[in-house]
Amino acid sequence: MPWYVIYTKPKSEIKTAQRLEKIGVEVFCPVKNEIRQWSDRKKKFTVPLFTSYLFVRLEEKDRAIVFEVPGVNNYLFWLGQPAIVRDNEIDIIKEWINEDAVEDIQLVHLKPGDRLVIKKGPFKDKEAVVQKIGKRKCKLVLHTLGILLEAKLNEVYASENY
């Protein structure tokens, strides 16, 4: 059975995943822990890794069942067909989450549009394009996986080949 990508209502990814599991759908909702700080305290939150997206594993004929659950907007489409994610790509995301950090790259004067290759870790040998550079984080687009990756600046480096 293939993995499909579902587009959900904003801020409802985790609840929607729980509802889908209740009706018997195999769901993968990758999450990360964030610590947010206020002037008087810090609080730990569990947030989805991909905002407004879930992965579901279904037979093609059973795809309509997900619309019975509140929070599901639509399937993500790629080239006019529902986007399908391969098992090894889901495994890469799971492995990456378990490692809890991208430790395989370091910064070398990057600018948007630069290409780089990740040298080790779950995304080893994957080519990425720098989309945005902030003060502390860098957004990378992994075209082969069709995902946007956010990494800390001290965790990325450019390949000499690009």
Protein backbone atom coordinates (compact mmCIF):
# COMPACT_ATOMS: atom_id res chain seq x y z
CA MET A 1 0.00 0.00 0.00
CA PRO A 2 1.33 3.46 -0.84
CA TRP A 3 1.69 6.42 1.50
CA TYR A 4 -0.37 9.44 0.49
CA VAL A 5 0.05 13.01 1.70
CA ILE A 6 -3.01 14.68 3.22
CA TYR A 7 -3.43 18.43 3.59
CA THR A 8 -5.12 19.29 6.91
CA LYS A 9 -6.59 22.34 8.52
CA PRO A 10 -3.91 24.48 10.21
CA LYS A 11 -2.96 23.49 13.76
CA SER A 12 -5.06 20.31 13.63
CA GLU A 13 -2.49 17.81 12.39
CA ILE A 14 -2.10 15.79 15.61
CA LYS A 15 -5.83 15.63 16.39
CA THR A 16 -6.64 14.72 12.80
CA ALA A 17 -4.03 11.93 12.93
CA GLN A 18 -5.61 10.56 16.11
CA ARG A 19 -9.07 10.64 14.53
CA LEU A 20 -7.81 8.83 11.43
CA GLU A 21 -6.22 6.13 13.59
CA LYS A 22 -9.57 5.64 15.38
CA ILE A 23 -11.24 4.71 12.09
CA GLY A 24 -8.44 2.27 11.25
CA VAL A 25 -6.25 4.30 8.90
CA GLU A 26 -2.46 3.91 9.22
CA VAL A 27 -1.16 7.45 9.84
CA PHE A 28 2.28 8.98 10.21
CA CYS A 29 2.40 12.45 11.74
CA PRO A 30 6.05 13.37 12.33
CA VAL A 31 6.43 15.69 15.31
CA LYS A 32 9.22 17.61 17.01
CA ASN A 33 9.57 19.17 20.43
CA GLU A 34 10.00 22.91 20.71
CA ILE A 35 10.71 25.02 23.74
CA ARG A 36 9.12 28.43 23.67
CA GLN A 37 10.24 31.10 26.08
CA TRP A 38 8.25 33.91 27.58
CA SER A 39 9.65 36.57 29.88
CA ASP A 40 8.69 34.55 32.97
CA ARG A 41 8.83 30.89 31.86
CA LYS A 42 9.68 28.28 29.26
CA LYS A 43 7.23 25.72 27.96
CA LYS A 44 7.77 22.58 25.91
CA PHE A 45 5.44 21.92 22.97
CA THR A 46 5.04 19.01 20.58
CA VAL A 47 4.47 20.40 17.10
CA PRO A 48 4.17 18.75 13.67
CA LEU A 49 7.33 18.63 11.59
CA PHE A 50 5.35 19.46 8.44
CA THR A 51 2.70 22.10 9.06
CA SER A 52 -0.73 21.05 7.74
CA TYR A 53 0.47 17.70 6.34
CA LEU A 54 -0.01 14.06 7.35
CA PHE A 55 1.00 10.80 5.70
CA VAL A 56 -1.60 8.03 5.39
CA ARG A 57 -1.19 4.50 4.09
CA LEU A 58 -4.25 3.28 2.18
CA GLU A 59 -5.34 1.26 -0.79
CA GLU A 60 -6.28 3.43 -3.78
CA LYS A 61 -9.93 2.32 -3.52
CA ASP A 62 -10.13 3.41 0.17
CA ARG A 63 -8.84 6.96 -0.29
CA ALA A 64 -12.25 8.60 0.25
CA ILE A 65 -12.51 7.33 3.85
CA VAL A 66 -10.23 10.11 5.14
CA PHE A 67 -12.86 12.74 4.35
CA GLU A 68 -15.08 11.29 7.08
CA VAL A 69 -12.69 12.82 9.63
CA PRO A 70 -12.91 16.49 10.62
CA GLY A 71 -9.70 18.36 9.84
CA VAL A 72 -8.90 16.73 6.48
CA ASN A 73 -8.95 19.23 3.61
CA ASN A 74 -7.65 17.28 0.63
CA TYR A 75 -4.91 15.07 -0.75
CA LEU A 76 -1.72 16.70 -1.94
CA PHE A 77 -1.43 16.34 -5.72
CA TRP A 78 1.72 16.13 -7.82
CA LEU A 79 1.46 16.37 -11.61
CA GLY A 80 -2.30 15.84 -11.47
CA GLN A 81 -2.10 12.67 -9.38
CA PRO A 82 -2.28 12.17 -5.61
CA ALA A 83 1.27 12.52 -4.25
CA ILE A 84 2.75 9.16 -3.22
CA VAL A 85 5.64 8.89 -0.78
CA ARG A 86 7.87 5.82 -0.93
CA ASP A 87 8.43 3.66 2.14
CA ASN A 88 12.14 4.45 2.21
CA GLU A 89 11.36 8.18 2.31
CA ILE A 90 9.06 7.67 5.31
CA ASP A 91 11.85 5.62 6.93
CA ILE A 92 14.31 8.47 6.32
CA ILE A 93 11.96 10.95 8.02
CA LYS A 94 11.47 8.58 10.97
CA GLU A 95 15.22 8.08 11.33
CA TRP A 96 15.81 11.82 11.13
CA ILE A 97 13.24 12.48 13.86
CA ASN A 98 14.82 9.83 16.10
CA GLU A 99 18.23 11.47 15.74
CA ASP A 100 16.57 14.72 16.89
CA ALA A 101 18.96 16.92 14.93
CA VAL A 102 20.60 17.38 11.57
CA GLU A 103 24.24 16.99 12.49
CA ASP A 104 25.65 16.50 9.05
CA ILE A 105 26.32 19.95 7.63
CA GLN A 106 28.11 23.25 8.49
CA LEU A 107 27.74 26.81 7.12
CA VAL A 108 29.95 28.21 4.36
CA HIS A 109 28.54 31.62 3.27
CA LEU A 110 25.27 30.34 1.87
CA LYS A 111 22.73 32.42 0.02
CA PRO A 112 19.27 31.56 -1.34
CA GLY A 113 19.51 29.45 -4.48
CA ASP A 114 22.81 27.79 -3.53
CA ARG A 115 22.90 24.02 -3.96
CA LEU A 116 24.44 21.69 -1.42
CA VAL A 117 24.77 17.98 -0.75
CA ILE A 118 24.21 16.58 2.72
CA LYS A 119 27.26 14.52 3.62
CA LYS A 120 26.00 12.21 6.41
CA GLY A 121 22.97 11.28 8.48
CA PRO A 122 19.51 10.23 7.29
CA PHE A 123 19.61 12.62 4.33
CA LYS A 124 23.12 11.58 3.26
CA ASP A 125 23.93 12.31 -0.40
CA LYS A 126 20.65 14.17 -0.89
CA GLU A 127 20.90 17.40 -2.84
CA ALA A 128 19.24 20.45 -1.30
CA VAL A 129 18.69 24.03 -2.42
CA VAL A 130 18.90 26.87 0.08
CA GLN A 131 15.54 28.64 0.15
CA LYS A 132 15.95 31.09 3.01
CA ILE A 133 18.59 32.02 5.57
CA GLY A 134 17.59 33.55 8.88
CA LYS A 135 19.65 34.61 11.87
CA ARG A 136 19.70 31.11 13.39
CA LYS A 137 18.05 28.76 10.89
CA CYS A 138 18.25 27.87 7.24
CA LYS A 139 15.45 26.44 5.10
CA LEU A 140 16.49 23.83 2.56
CA VAL A 141 14.40 22.31 -0.21
CA LEU A 142 14.99 18.61 -0.86
CA HIS A 143 13.47 18.24 -4.33
CA THR A 144 13.95 14.47 -4.50
CA LEU A 145 11.81 14.00 -1.38
CA GLY A 146 9.55 16.97 -2.07
CA ILE A 147 10.08 18.44 1.39
CA LEU A 148 11.22 21.64 3.01
CA LEU A 149 13.81 21.07 5.75
CA GLU A 150 14.64 23.60 8.43
CA ALA A 151 18.11 23.29 9.94
CA LYS A 152 20.11 25.39 12.38
CA LEU A 153 22.80 27.42 10.67
CA ASN A 154 25.54 25.71 12.64
CA GLU A 155 24.32 22.37 11.29
CA VAL A 156 24.65 22.95 7.52
CA TYR A 157 27.51 23.13 5.02
CA ALA A 158 27.79 23.61 1.30
CA SER A 159 29.28 21.00 -0.96
CA GLU A 160 32.44 21.89 -2.80
CA ASN A 161 30.91 20.32 -5.91
CA TYR A 162 28.15 22.91 -6.33
